[in-house]
Amino acid sequence: ILDTIPESGHLPDEKVHYCERFLELITDLEALLPTRRFFNTV
């Protein structure tokens, strides 16, 4: 999905929000040892 975003031109807000929320999920998975220990390597 990230690769479909062009350098310029129309960009739907919904696609930006998806990417933001995904990064939020990744950040939270990395924040705690129980989820980070093996996820980090993947």
Full PDB file with SEQRES, HELIX, SHEET, SSBOND, CRYST1, ORIGX, SCALE, CONECT and MASTER records, all heavy atoms in Angstrom:
SEQRES   1 A   42  ILE LEU ASP THR ILE PRO GLU SER GLY HIS LEU PRO ASP          
SEQRES   2 A   42  GLU LYS VAL HIS TYR CYS GLU ARG PHE LEU GLU LEU ILE          
SEQRES   3 A   42  THR ASP LEU GLU ALA LEU LEU PRO THR ARG ARG PHE PHE          
SEQRES   4 A   42  ASN THR VAL                                                  
HELIX    1 AA1 LEU A    2  THR A    4  5                                   3    
HELIX    2 AA2 ASP A   13  ALA A   31  1                                  19    
HELIX    3 AA3 LEU A   33  PHE A   39  1                                   7    
CRYST1    1.000    1.000    1.000  90.00  90.00  90.00 P 1           1          
ORIGX1      1.000000  0.000000  0.000000        0.00000                         
ORIGX2      0.000000  1.000000  0.000000        0.00000                         
ORIGX3      0.000000  0.000000  1.000000        0.00000                         
SCALE1      1.000000  0.000000  0.000000        0.00000                         
SCALE2      0.000000  1.000000  0.000000        0.00000                         
SCALE3      0.000000  0.000000  1.000000        0.00000                         
ATOM      1  N   ILE A   1       0.840  -1.205   0.000  1.00  0.00           N  
ATOM      2  CA  ILE A   1       0.000   0.000   0.000  1.00  0.00           C  
ATOM      3  C   ILE A   1       0.874   1.255   0.000  1.00  0.00           C  
ATOM      4  O   ILE A   1       0.608   2.213  -0.737  1.00  0.00           O  
ATOM      5  CB  ILE A   1      -0.943  -0.008   1.216  1.00  0.00           C  
ATOM      6  CG1 ILE A   1      -1.987  -1.117   1.062  1.00  0.00           C  
ATOM      7  CG2 ILE A   1      -1.621   1.352   1.405  1.00  0.00           C  
ATOM      8  CD1 ILE A   1      -2.885  -1.314   2.264  1.00  0.00           C  
ATOM      9  N   LEU A   2       1.924   1.255   0.793  1.00  0.00           N  
ATOM     10  CA  LEU A   2       2.836   2.398   0.869  1.00  0.00           C  
ATOM     11  C   LEU A   2       3.447   2.692  -0.496  1.00  0.00           C  
ATOM     12  O   LEU A   2       3.615   3.855  -0.875  1.00  0.00           O  
ATOM     13  CB  LEU A   2       3.922   2.114   1.899  1.00  0.00           C  
ATOM     14  CG  LEU A   2       4.873   3.259   2.259  1.00  0.00           C  
ATOM     15  CD1 LEU A   2       4.116   4.399   2.943  1.00  0.00           C  
ATOM     16  CD2 LEU A   2       5.988   2.740   3.171  1.00  0.00           C  
ATOM     17  N   ASP A   3       3.765   1.653  -1.241  1.00  0.00           N  
ATOM     18  CA  ASP A   3       4.392   1.823  -2.555  1.00  0.00           C  
ATOM     19  C   ASP A   3       3.442   2.402  -3.595  1.00  0.00           C  
ATOM     20  O   ASP A   3       3.888   2.864  -4.657  1.00  0.00           O  
ATOM     21  CB  ASP A   3       4.930   0.481  -3.060  1.00  0.00           C  
ATOM     22  CG  ASP A   3       6.189   0.039  -2.317  1.00  0.00           C  
ATOM     23  OD1 ASP A   3       6.788   0.878  -1.615  1.00  0.00           O  
ATOM     24  OD2 ASP A   3       6.557  -1.151  -2.424  1.00  0.00           O  
ATOM     25  N   THR A   4       2.148   2.393  -3.324  1.00  0.00           N  
ATOM     26  CA  THR A   4       1.191   2.956  -4.285  1.00  0.00           C  
ATOM     27  C   THR A   4       1.067   4.471  -4.158  1.00  0.00           C  
ATOM     28  O   THR A   4       0.416   5.102  -4.996  1.00  0.00           O  
ATOM     29  CB  THR A   4      -0.205   2.337  -4.098  1.00  0.00           C  
ATOM     30  OG1 THR A   4      -0.744   2.710  -2.815  1.00  0.00           O  
ATOM     31  CG2 THR A   4      -0.159   0.821  -4.204  1.00  0.00           C  
ATOM     32  N   ILE A   5       1.660   5.055  -3.139  1.00  0.00           N  
ATOM     33  CA  ILE A   5       1.560   6.505  -2.930  1.00  0.00           C  
ATOM     34  C   ILE A   5       2.527   7.224  -3.863  1.00  0.00           C  
ATOM     35  O   ILE A   5       3.738   6.963  -3.832  1.00  0.00           O  
ATOM     36  CB  ILE A   5       1.854   6.866  -1.466  1.00  0.00           C  
ATOM     37  CG1 ILE A   5       0.780   6.250  -0.552  1.00  0.00           C  
ATOM     38  CG2 ILE A   5       1.939   8.374  -1.272  1.00  0.00           C  
ATOM     39  CD1 ILE A   5       1.014   6.466   0.920  1.00  0.00           C  
ATOM     40  N   PRO A   6       2.025   8.120  -4.712  1.00  0.00           N  
ATOM     41  CA  PRO A   6       2.887   8.802  -5.683  1.00  0.00           C  
ATOM     42  C   PRO A   6       3.672   9.953  -5.047  1.00  0.00           C  
ATOM     43  O   PRO A   6       3.364  10.399  -3.940  1.00  0.00           O  
ATOM     44  CB  PRO A   6       1.889   9.326  -6.712  1.00  0.00           C  
ATOM     45  CG  PRO A   6       0.638   9.575  -5.916  1.00  0.00           C  
ATOM     46  CD  PRO A   6       0.608   8.503  -4.848  1.00  0.00           C  
ATOM     47  N   GLU A   7       4.677  10.437  -5.769  1.00  0.00           N  
ATOM     48  CA  GLU A   7       5.475  11.571  -5.277  1.00  0.00           C  
ATOM     49  C   GLU A   7       4.646  12.838  -5.188  1.00  0.00           C  
ATOM     50  O   GLU A   7       4.880  13.692  -4.334  1.00  0.00           O  
ATOM     51  CB  GLU A   7       6.677  11.802  -6.202  1.00  0.00           C  
ATOM     52  CG  GLU A   7       7.762  10.757  -6.094  1.00  0.00           C  
ATOM     53  CD  GLU A   7       8.998  11.149  -6.873  1.00  0.00           C  
ATOM     54  OE1 GLU A   7       9.314  12.356  -6.933  1.00  0.00           O  
ATOM     55  OE2 GLU A   7       9.657  10.259  -7.430  1.00  0.00           O  
ATOM     56  N   SER A   8       3.687  12.992  -6.097  1.00  0.00           N  
ATOM     57  CA  SER A   8       2.826  14.171  -6.103  1.00  0.00           C  
ATOM     58  C   SER A   8       1.460  13.772  -6.646  1.00  0.00           C  
ATOM     59  O   SER A   8       1.267  12.642  -7.095  1.00  0.00           O  
ATOM     60  CB  SER A   8       3.442  15.278  -6.971  1.00  0.00           C  
ATOM     61  OG  SER A   8       3.631  14.814  -8.301  1.00  0.00           O  
ATOM     62  N   GLY A   9       0.539  14.711  -6.580  1.00  0.00           N  
ATOM     63  CA  GLY A   9      -0.802  14.416  -7.072  1.00  0.00           C  
ATOM     64  C   GLY A   9      -1.739  13.993  -5.959  1.00  0.00           C  
ATOM     65  O   GLY A   9      -1.425  14.104  -4.771  1.00  0.00           O  
ATOM     66  N   HIS A  10      -2.900  13.508  -6.375  1.00  0.00           N  
ATOM     67  CA  HIS A  10      -3.960  13.186  -5.411  1.00  0.00           C  
ATOM     68  C   HIS A  10      -3.536  12.055  -4.480  1.00  0.00           C  
ATOM     69  O   HIS A  10      -2.966  11.051  -4.909  1.00  0.00           O  
ATOM     70  CB  HIS A  10      -5.231  12.783  -6.147  1.00  0.00           C  
ATOM     71  CG  HIS A  10      -6.344  12.361  -5.243  1.00  0.00           C  
ATOM     72  ND1 HIS A  10      -6.949  13.225  -4.351  1.00  0.00           N  
ATOM     73  CD2 HIS A  10      -6.960  11.149  -5.089  1.00  0.00           C  
ATOM     74  CE1 HIS A  10      -7.888  12.566  -3.675  1.00  0.00           C  
ATOM     75  NE2 HIS A  10      -7.915  11.318  -4.115  1.00  0.00           N  
ATOM     76  N   LEU A  11      -3.816  12.242  -3.202  1.00  0.00           N  
ATOM     77  CA  LEU A  11      -3.534  11.223  -2.192  1.00  0.00           C  
ATOM     78  C   LEU A  11      -4.705  11.176  -1.216  1.00  0.00           C  
ATOM     79  O   LEU A  11      -4.902  12.102  -0.426  1.00  0.00           O  
ATOM     80  CB  LEU A  11      -2.237  11.542  -1.444  1.00  0.00           C  
ATOM     81  CG  LEU A  11      -1.866  10.615  -0.273  1.00  0.00           C  
ATOM     82  CD1 LEU A  11      -1.787   9.169  -0.741  1.00  0.00           C  
ATOM     83  CD2 LEU A  11      -0.554  11.048   0.364  1.00  0.00           C  
ATOM     84  N   PRO A  12      -5.501  10.121  -1.235  1.00  0.00           N  
ATOM     85  CA  PRO A  12      -6.656  10.022  -0.329  1.00  0.00           C  
ATOM     86  C   PRO A  12      -6.224  10.047   1.134  1.00  0.00           C  
ATOM     87  O   PRO A  12      -5.258   9.388   1.521  1.00  0.00           O  
ATOM     88  CB  PRO A  12      -7.275   8.670  -0.696  1.00  0.00           C  
ATOM     89  CG  PRO A  12      -6.756   8.356  -2.064  1.00  0.00           C  
ATOM     90  CD  PRO A  12      -5.390   8.948  -2.129  1.00  0.00           C  
ATOM     91  N   ASP A  13      -6.944  10.812   1.931  1.00  0.00           N  
ATOM     92  CA  ASP A  13      -6.645  10.880   3.363  1.00  0.00           C  
ATOM     93  C   ASP A  13      -6.709   9.501   3.999  1.00  0.00           C  
ATOM     94  O   ASP A  13      -5.938   9.190   4.916  1.00  0.00           O  
ATOM     95  CB  ASP A  13      -7.648  11.807   4.070  1.00  0.00           C  
ATOM     96  CG  ASP A  13      -7.442  13.266   3.709  1.00  0.00           C  
ATOM     97  OD1 ASP A  13      -6.345  13.612   3.220  1.00  0.00           O  
ATOM     98  OD2 ASP A  13      -8.380  14.055   3.911  1.00  0.00           O  
ATOM     99  N   GLU A  14      -7.649   8.665   3.514  1.00  0.00           N  
ATOM    100  CA  GLU A  14      -7.836   7.347   4.104  1.00  0.00           C  
ATOM    101  C   GLU A  14      -6.576   6.487   3.997  1.00  0.00           C  
ATOM    102  O   GLU A  14      -6.260   5.720   4.905  1.00  0.00           O  
ATOM    103  CB  GLU A  14      -9.006   6.613   3.424  1.00  0.00           C  
ATOM    104  CG  GLU A  14     -10.366   7.233   3.689  1.00  0.00           C  
ATOM    105  CD  GLU A  14     -10.684   8.380   2.749  1.00  0.00           C  
ATOM    106  OE1 GLU A  14      -9.793   8.726   1.916  1.00  0.00           O  
ATOM    107  OE2 GLU A  14     -11.798   8.933   2.835  1.00  0.00           O  
ATOM    108  N   LYS A  15      -5.852   6.640   2.901  1.00  0.00           N  
ATOM    109  CA  LYS A  15      -4.634   5.854   2.722  1.00  0.00           C  
ATOM    110  C   LYS A  15      -3.535   6.336   3.663  1.00  0.00           C  
ATOM    111  O   LYS A  15      -2.778   5.533   4.226  1.00  0.00           O  
ATOM    112  CB  LYS A  15      -4.165   5.938   1.268  1.00  0.00           C  
ATOM    113  CG  LYS A  15      -3.021   4.984   0.934  1.00  0.00           C  
ATOM    114  CD  LYS A  15      -2.738   4.925  -0.557  1.00  0.00           C  
ATOM    115  CE  LYS A  15      -3.808   4.184  -1.315  1.00  0.00           C  
ATOM    116  NZ  LYS A  15      -3.421   3.943  -2.734  1.00  0.00           N  
ATOM    117  N   VAL A  16      -3.466   7.643   3.872  1.00  0.00           N  
ATOM    118  CA  VAL A  16      -2.493   8.205   4.817  1.00  0.00           C  
ATOM    119  C   VAL A  16      -2.794   7.711   6.230  1.00  0.00           C  
ATOM    120  O   VAL A  16      -1.895   7.303   6.976  1.00  0.00           O  
ATOM    121  CB  VAL A  16      -2.506   9.744   4.775  1.00  0.00           C  
ATOM    122  CG1 VAL A  16      -1.537  10.324   5.813  1.00  0.00           C  
ATOM    123  CG2 VAL A  16      -2.134  10.238   3.383  1.00  0.00           C  
ATOM    124  N   HIS A  17      -4.073   7.741   6.600  1.00  0.00           N  
ATOM    125  CA  HIS A  17      -4.467   7.299   7.941  1.00  0.00           C  
ATOM    126  C   HIS A  17      -4.138   5.830   8.160  1.00  0.00           C  
ATOM    127  O   HIS A  17      -3.723   5.434   9.254  1.00  0.00           O  
ATOM    128  CB  HIS A  17      -5.971   7.544   8.160  1.00  0.00           C  
ATOM    129  CG  HIS A  17      -6.337   8.990   8.171  1.00  0.00           C  
ATOM    130  ND1 HIS A  17      -7.599   9.446   7.896  1.00  0.00           N  
ATOM    131  CD2 HIS A  17      -5.582  10.092   8.411  1.00  0.00           C  
ATOM    132  CE1 HIS A  17      -7.625  10.763   7.967  1.00  0.00           C  
ATOM    133  NE2 HIS A  17      -6.414  11.181   8.284  1.00  0.00           N  
ATOM    134  N   TYR A  18      -4.331   5.010   7.125  1.00  0.00           N  
ATOM    135  CA  TYR A  18      -3.977   3.595   7.241  1.00  0.00           C  
ATOM    136  C   TYR A  18      -2.488   3.449   7.546  1.00  0.00           C  
ATOM    137  O   TYR A  18      -2.092   2.696   8.448  1.00  0.00           O  
ATOM    138  CB  TYR A  18      -4.323   2.851   5.953  1.00  0.00           C  
ATOM    139  CG  TYR A  18      -3.902   1.386   5.979  1.00  0.00           C  
ATOM    140  CD1 TYR A  18      -4.769   0.406   6.457  1.00  0.00           C  
ATOM    141  CD2 TYR A  18      -2.642   0.983   5.551  1.00  0.00           C  
ATOM    142  CE1 TYR A  18      -4.396  -0.928   6.507  1.00  0.00           C  
ATOM    143  CE2 TYR A  18      -2.249  -0.349   5.592  1.00  0.00           C  
ATOM    144  CZ  TYR A  18      -3.130  -1.298   6.070  1.00  0.00           C  
ATOM    145  OH  TYR A  18      -2.740  -2.621   6.136  1.00  0.00           O  
ATOM    146  N   CYS A  19      -1.654   4.174   6.822  1.00  0.00           N  
ATOM    147  CA  CYS A  19      -0.208   4.083   7.024  1.00  0.00           C  
ATOM    148  C   CYS A  19       0.191   4.575   8.408  1.00  0.00           C  
ATOM    149  O   CYS A  19       1.062   3.991   9.064  1.00  0.00           O  
ATOM    150  CB  CYS A  19       0.520   4.880   5.940  1.00  0.00           C  
ATOM    151  SG  CYS A  19       0.350   4.172   4.278  1.00  0.00           S  
ATOM    152  N   GLU A  20      -0.458   5.647   8.882  1.00  0.00           N  
ATOM    153  CA  GLU A  20      -0.168   6.162  10.225  1.00  0.00           C  
ATOM    154  C   GLU A  20      -0.542   5.140  11.287  1.00  0.00           C  
ATOM    155  O   GLU A  20       0.216   4.902  12.234  1.00  0.00           O  
ATOM    156  CB  GLU A  20      -0.938   7.469  10.449  1.00  0.00           C  
ATOM    157  CG  GLU A  20      -0.432   8.636   9.613  1.00  0.00           C  
ATOM    158  CD  GLU A  20      -1.372   9.830   9.667  1.00  0.00           C  
ATOM    159  OE1 GLU A  20      -2.500   9.697  10.202  1.00  0.00           O  
ATOM    160  OE2 GLU A  20      -0.980  10.903   9.170  1.00  0.00           O  
ATOM    161  N   ARG A  21      -1.711   4.544  11.136  1.00  0.00           N  
ATOM    162  CA  ARG A  21      -2.164   3.570  12.129  1.00  0.00           C  
ATOM    163  C   ARG A  21      -1.301   2.313  12.101  1.00  0.00           C  
ATOM    164  O   ARG A  21      -1.063   1.693  13.141  1.00  0.00           O  
ATOM    165  CB  ARG A  21      -3.625   3.206  11.880  1.00  0.00           C  
ATOM    166  CG  ARG A  21      -4.609   4.313  12.263  1.00  0.00           C  
ATOM    167  CD  ARG A  21      -4.537   4.606  13.745  1.00  0.00           C  
ATOM    168  NE  ARG A  21      -5.688   5.383  14.196  1.00  0.00           N  
ATOM    169  CZ  ARG A  21      -5.948   5.685  15.450  1.00  0.00           C  
ATOM    170  NH1 ARG A  21      -5.121   5.275  16.409  1.00  0.00           N  
ATOM    171  NH2 ARG A  21      -7.006   6.390  15.781  1.00  0.00           N  
ATOM    172  N   PHE A  22      -0.831   1.942  10.920  1.00  0.00           N  
ATOM    173  CA  PHE A  22       0.029   0.776  10.846  1.00  0.00           C  
ATOM    174  C   PHE A  22       1.335   1.044  11.585  1.00  0.00           C  
ATOM    175  O   PHE A  22       1.819   0.189  12.340  1.00  0.00           O  
ATOM    176  CB  PHE A  22       0.324   0.386   9.396  1.00  0.00           C  
ATOM    177  CG  PHE A  22       1.068  -0.909   9.293  1.00  0.00           C  
ATOM    178  CD1 PHE A  22       0.379  -2.110   9.245  1.00  0.00           C  
ATOM    179  CD2 PHE A  22       2.450  -0.938   9.293  1.00  0.00           C  
ATOM    180  CE1 PHE A  22       1.060  -3.317   9.191  1.00  0.00           C  
ATOM    181  CE2 PHE A  22       3.138  -2.139   9.238  1.00  0.00           C  
ATOM    182  CZ  PHE A  22       2.442  -3.329   9.187  1.00  0.00           C  
ATOM    183  N   LEU A  23       1.898   2.210  11.381  1.00  0.00           N  
ATOM    184  CA  LEU A  23       3.147   2.532  12.069  1.00  0.00           C  
ATOM    185  C   LEU A  23       2.932   2.608  13.576  1.00  0.00           C  
ATOM    186  O   LEU A  23       3.816   2.246  14.358  1.00  0.00           O  
ATOM    187  CB  LEU A  23       3.706   3.856  11.535  1.00  0.00           C  
ATOM    188  CG  LEU A  23       5.182   4.107  11.802  1.00  0.00           C  
ATOM    189  CD1 LEU A  23       6.050   2.991  11.274  1.00  0.00           C  
ATOM    190  CD2 LEU A  23       5.623   5.433  11.200  1.00  0.00           C  
ATOM    191  N   GLU A  24       1.758   3.057  13.979  1.00  0.00           N  
ATOM    192  CA  GLU A  24       1.414   3.068  15.405  1.00  0.00           C  
ATOM    193  C   GLU A  24       1.394   1.653  15.970  1.00  0.00           C  
ATOM    194  O   GLU A  24       1.891   1.399  17.075  1.00  0.00           O  
ATOM    195  CB  GLU A  24       0.048   3.735  15.588  1.00  0.00           C  
ATOM    196  CG  GLU A  24      -0.396   3.905  17.023  1.00  0.00           C  
ATOM    197  CD  GLU A  24      -1.727   4.619  17.115  1.00  0.00           C  
ATOM    198  OE1 GLU A  24      -1.840   5.733  16.557  1.00  0.00           O  
ATOM    199  OE2 GLU A  24      -2.663   4.058  17.722  1.00  0.00           O  
ATOM    200  N   LEU A  25       0.831   0.714  15.199  1.00  0.00           N  
ATOM    201  CA  LEU A  25       0.820  -0.691  15.618  1.00  0.00           C  
ATOM    202  C   LEU A  25       2.244  -1.224  15.752  1.00  0.00           C  
ATOM    203  O   LEU A  25       2.590  -1.864  16.754  1.00  0.00           O  
ATOM    204  CB  LEU A  25       0.044  -1.522  14.590  1.00  0.00           C  
ATOM    205  CG  LEU A  25       0.129  -3.045  14.725  1.00  0.00           C  
ATOM    206  CD1 LEU A  25      -0.484  -3.509  16.041  1.00  0.00           C  
ATOM    207  CD2 LEU A  25      -0.561  -3.733  13.542  1.00  0.00           C  
ATOM    208  N   ILE A  26       3.076  -0.954  14.766  1.00  0.00           N  
ATOM    209  CA  ILE A  26       4.453  -1.434  14.797  1.00  0.00           C  
ATOM    210  C   ILE A  26       5.207  -0.843  15.984  1.00  0.00           C  
ATOM    211  O   ILE A  26       5.954  -1.536  16.686  1.00  0.00           O  
ATOM    212  CB  ILE A  26       5.177  -1.071  13.481  1.00  0.00           C  
ATOM    213  CG1 ILE A  26       4.525  -1.780  12.292  1.00  0.00           C  
ATOM    214  CG2 ILE A  26       6.664  -1.417  13.563  1.00  0.00           C  
ATOM    215  CD1 ILE A  26       4.520  -3.282  12.395  1.00  0.00           C  
ATOM    216  N   THR A  27       5.013   0.436  16.215  1.00  0.00           N  
ATOM    217  CA  THR A  27       5.668   1.108  17.341  1.00  0.00           C  
ATOM    218  C   THR A  27       5.282   0.463  18.664  1.00  0.00           C  
ATOM    219  O   THR A  27       6.131   0.222  19.526  1.00  0.00           O  
ATOM    220  CB  THR A  27       5.292   2.604  17.360  1.00  0.00           C  
ATOM    221  OG1 THR A  27       5.695   3.204  16.139  1.00  0.00           O  
ATOM    222  CG2 THR A  27       5.975   3.325  18.511  1.00  0.00           C  
ATOM    223  N   ASP A  28       3.995   0.170  18.829  1.00  0.00           N  
ATOM    224  CA  ASP A  28       3.535  -0.435  20.077  1.00  0.00           C  
ATOM    225  C   ASP A  28       4.051  -1.867  20.227  1.00  0.00           C  
ATOM    226  O   ASP A  28       4.368  -2.307  21.341  1.00  0.00           O  
ATOM    227  CB  ASP A  28       2.003  -0.410  20.141  1.00  0.00           C  
ATOM    228  CG  ASP A  28       1.462   0.978  20.425  1.00  0.00           C  
ATOM    229  OD1 ASP A  28       2.270   1.901  20.687  1.00  0.00           O  
ATOM    230  OD2 ASP A  28       0.233   1.165  20.370  1.00  0.00           O  
ATOM    231  N   LEU A  29       4.137  -2.598  19.135  1.00  0.00           N  
ATOM    232  CA  LEU A  29       4.689  -3.954  19.201  1.00  0.00           C  
ATOM    233  C   LEU A  29       6.161  -3.929  19.607  1.00  0.00           C  
ATOM    234  O   LEU A  29       6.644  -4.819  20.314  1.00  0.00           O  
ATOM    235  CB  LEU A  29       4.551  -4.651  17.845  1.00  0.00           C  
ATOM    236  CG  LEU A  29       3.144  -5.103  17.447  1.00  0.00           C  
ATOM    237  CD1 LEU A  29       3.136  -5.629  16.020  1.00  0.00           C  
ATOM    238  CD2 LEU A  29       2.629  -6.167  18.399  1.00  0.00           C  
ATOM    239  N   GLU A  30       6.860  -2.901  19.187  1.00  0.00           N  
ATOM    240  CA  GLU A  30       8.276  -2.773  19.511  1.00  0.00           C  
ATOM    241  C   GLU A  30       8.512  -2.211  20.910  1.00  0.00           C  
ATOM    242  O   GLU A  30       9.611  -2.331  21.450  1.00  0.00           O  
ATOM    243  CB  GLU A  30       8.955  -1.854  18.495  1.00  0.00           C  
ATOM    244  CG  GLU A  30       9.207  -2.499  17.146  1.00  0.00           C  
ATOM    245  CD  GLU A  30      10.465  -3.345  17.169  1.00  0.00           C  
ATOM    246  OE1 GLU A  30      11.552  -2.793  16.975  1.00  0.00           O  
ATOM    247  OE2 GLU A  30      10.352  -4.558  17.420  1.00  0.00           O  
ATOM    248  N   ALA A  31       7.476  -1.625  21.492  1.00  0.00           N  
ATOM    249  CA  ALA A  31       7.653  -0.907  22.755  1.00  0.00           C  
ATOM    250  C   ALA A  31       7.765  -1.829  23.966  1.00  0.00           C  
ATOM    251  O   ALA A  31       8.340  -1.444  24.983  1.00  0.00           O  
ATOM    252  CB  ALA A  31       6.495   0.078  22.959  1.00  0.00           C  
ATOM    253  N   LEU A  32       7.190  -3.024  23.875  1.00  0.00           N  
ATOM    254  CA  LEU A  32       7.145  -3.920  25.033  1.00  0.00           C  
ATOM    255  C   LEU A  32       7.882  -5.217  24.734  1.00  0.00           C  
ATOM    256  O   LEU A  32       7.746  -5.786  23.646  1.00  0.00           O  
ATOM    257  CB  LEU A  32       5.693  -4.222  25.410  1.00  0.00           C  
ATOM    258  CG  LEU A  32       4.850  -3.020  25.848  1.00  0.00           C  
ATOM    259  CD1 LEU A  32       3.397  -3.439  26.017  1.00  0.00           C  
ATOM    260  CD2 LEU A  32       5.386  -2.425  27.135  1.00  0.00           C  
ATOM    261  N   LEU A  33       8.623  -5.694  25.716  1.00  0.00           N  
ATOM    262  CA  LEU A  33       9.418  -6.905  25.527  1.00  0.00           C  
ATOM    263  C   LEU A  33       8.593  -8.131  25.137  1.00  0.00           C  
ATOM    264  O   LEU A  33       9.014  -8.893  24.261  1.00  0.00           O  
ATOM    265  CB  LEU A  33      10.234  -7.198  26.791  1.00  0.00           C  
ATOM    266  CG  LEU A  33      11.178  -8.402  26.722  1.00  0.00           C  
ATOM    267  CD1 LEU A  33      12.178  -8.248  25.587  1.00  0.00           C  
ATOM    268  CD2 LEU A  33      11.894  -8.598  28.056  1.00  0.00           C  
ATOM    269  N   PRO A  34       7.422  -8.389  25.731  1.00  0.00           N  
ATOM    270  CA  PRO A  34       6.670  -9.596  25.354  1.00  0.00           C  
ATOM    271  C   PRO A  34       6.337  -9.671  23.867  1.00  0.00           C  
ATOM    272  O   PRO A  34       6.248 -10.760  23.308  1.00  0.00           O  
ATOM    273  CB  PRO A  34       5.395  -9.489  26.204  1.00  0.00           C  
ATOM    274  CG  PRO A  34       5.793  -8.670  27.381  1.00  0.00           C  
ATOM    275  CD  PRO A  34       6.770  -7.667  26.845  1.00  0.00           C  
ATOM    276  N   THR A  35       6.123  -8.537  23.235  1.00  0.00           N  
ATOM    277  CA  THR A  35       5.824  -8.543  21.802  1.00  0.00           C  
ATOM    278  C   THR A  35       7.068  -8.275  20.960  1.00  0.00           C  
ATOM    279  O   THR A  35       7.159  -8.730  19.827  1.00  0.00           O  
ATOM    280  CB  THR A  35       4.747  -7.496  21.464  1.00  0.00           C  
ATOM    281  OG1 THR A  35       5.152  -6.205  21.963  1.00  0.00           O  
ATOM    282  CG2 THR A  35       3.414  -7.871  22.074  1.00  0.00           C  
ATOM    283  N   ARG A  36       8.036  -7.565  21.508  1.00  0.00           N  
ATOM    284  CA  ARG A  36       9.221  -7.157  20.743  1.00  0.00           C  
ATOM    285  C   ARG A  36      10.218  -8.293  20.541  1.00  0.00           C  
ATOM    286  O   ARG A  36      10.890  -8.355  19.512  1.00  0.00           O  
ATOM    287  CB  ARG A  36       9.916  -5.992  21.462  1.00  0.00           C  
ATOM    288  CG  ARG A  36      11.143  -5.465  20.743  1.00  0.00           C  
ATOM    289  CD  ARG A  36      11.742  -4.283  21.462  1.00  0.00           C  
ATOM    290  NE  ARG A  36      12.394  -4.642  22.703  1.00  0.00           N  
ATOM    291  CZ  ARG A  36      12.122  -4.100  23.887  1.00  0.00           C  
ATOM    292  NH1 ARG A  36      11.168  -3.210  23.995  1.00  0.00           N  
ATOM    293  NH2 ARG A  36      12.795  -4.471  24.963  1.00  0.00           N  
ATOM    294  N   ARG A  37      10.331  -9.190  21.509  1.00  0.00           N  
ATOM    295  CA  ARG A  37      11.455 -10.135  21.564  1.00  0.00           C  
ATOM    296  C   ARG A  37      11.681 -10.843  20.227  1.00  0.00           C  
ATOM    297  O   ARG A  37      12.803 -10.910  19.730  1.00  0.00           O  
ATOM    298  CB  ARG A  37      11.217 -11.164  22.671  1.00  0.00           C  
ATOM    299  CG  ARG A  37      12.316 -12.215  22.746  1.00  0.00           C  
ATOM    300  CD  ARG A  37      12.059 -13.227  23.837  1.00  0.00           C  
ATOM    301  NE  ARG A  37      12.437 -12.724  25.152  1.00  0.00           N  
ATOM    302  CZ  ARG A  37      11.607 -12.560  26.168  1.00  0.00           C  
ATOM    303  NH1 ARG A  37      10.326 -12.840  26.008  1.00  0.00           N  
ATOM    304  NH2 ARG A  37      12.028 -12.123  27.338  1.00  0.00           N  
ATOM    305  N   PHE A  38      10.627 -11.373  19.597  1.00  0.00           N  
ATOM    306  CA  PHE A  38      10.785 -12.108  18.348  1.00  0.00           C  
ATOM    307  C   PHE A  38      10.300 -11.307  17.139  1.00  0.00           C  
ATOM    308  O   PHE A  38      10.804 -11.501  16.029  1.00  0.00           O  
ATOM    309  CB  PHE A  38      10.048 -13.445  18.429  1.00  0.00           C  
ATOM    310  CG  PHE A  38      10.510 -14.287  19.594  1.00  0.00           C  
ATOM    311  CD1 PHE A  38       9.662 -14.572  20.650  1.00  0.00           C  
ATOM    312  CD2 PHE A  38      11.815 -14.764  19.640  1.00  0.00           C  
ATOM    313  CE1 PHE A  38      10.098 -15.327  21.731  1.00  0.00           C  
ATOM    314  CE2 PHE A  38      12.259 -15.517  20.720  1.00  0.00           C  
ATOM    315  CZ  PHE A  38      11.400 -15.796  21.769  1.00  0.00           C  
ATOM    316  N   PHE A  39       9.360 -10.416  17.391  1.00  0.00           N  
ATOM    317  CA  PHE A  39       8.853  -9.594  16.293  1.00  0.00           C  
ATOM    318  C   PHE A  39       9.939  -8.700  15.718  1.00  0.00           C  
ATOM    319  O   PHE A  39      10.004  -8.469  14.509  1.00  0.00           O  
ATOM    320  CB  PHE A  39       7.671  -8.745  16.784  1.00  0.00           C  
ATOM    321  CG  PHE A  39       7.210  -7.731  15.775  1.00  0.00           C  
ATOM    322  CD1 PHE A  39       6.479  -8.140  14.656  1.00  0.00           C  
ATOM    323  CD2 PHE A  39       7.514  -6.386  15.929  1.00  0.00           C  
ATOM    324  CE1 PHE A  39       6.061  -7.215  13.721  1.00  0.00           C  
ATOM    325  CE2 PHE A  39       7.100  -5.458  14.992  1.00  0.00           C  
ATOM    326  CZ  PHE A  39       6.368  -5.872  13.886  1.00  0.00           C  
ATOM    327  N   ASN A  40      10.800  -8.185  16.578  1.00  0.00           N  
ATOM    328  CA  ASN A  40      11.841  -7.258  16.159  1.00  0.00           C  
ATOM    329  C   ASN A  40      12.678  -7.819  15.011  1.00  0.00           C  
ATOM    330  O   ASN A  40      13.000  -7.116  14.044  1.00  0.00           O  
ATOM    331  CB  ASN A  40      12.730  -6.923  17.359  1.00  0.00           C  
ATOM    332  CG  ASN A  40      13.745  -5.850  17.056  1.00  0.00           C  
ATOM    333  OD1 ASN A  40      14.787  -6.144  16.475  1.00  0.00           O  
ATOM    334  ND2 ASN A  40      13.459  -4.631  17.443  1.00  0.00           N  
ATOM    335  N   THR A  41      13.019  -9.094  15.103  1.00  0.00           N  
ATOM    336  CA  THR A  41      13.857  -9.721  14.086  1.00  0.00           C  
ATOM    337  C   THR A  41      13.121  -9.842  12.757  1.00  0.00           C  
ATOM    338  O   THR A  41      13.699  -9.630  11.691  1.00  0.00           O  
ATOM    339  CB  THR A  41      14.309 -11.116  14.563  1.00  0.00           C  
ATOM    340  OG1 THR A  41      14.910 -10.997  15.857  1.00  0.00           O  
ATOM    341  CG2 THR A  41      15.317 -11.718  13.612  1.00  0.00           C  
ATOM    342  N   VAL A  42      11.836 -10.192  12.814  1.00  0.00           N  
ATOM    343  CA  VAL A  42      11.039 -10.283  11.593  1.00  0.00           C  
ATOM    344  C   VAL A  42      10.885  -8.900  10.961  1.00  0.00           C  
ATOM    345  O   VAL A  42      10.958  -8.752   9.732  1.00  0.00           O  
ATOM    346  CB  VAL A  42       9.660 -10.908  11.893  1.00  0.00           C  
ATOM    347  CG1 VAL A  42       8.802 -10.963  10.629  1.00  0.00           C  
ATOM    348  CG2 VAL A  42       9.829 -12.306  12.474  1.00  0.00           C  
TER     349      VAL A  42                                                      
MASTER        0    0    0    3    0    0    0    6  348    1    0    4          
END                                                                             
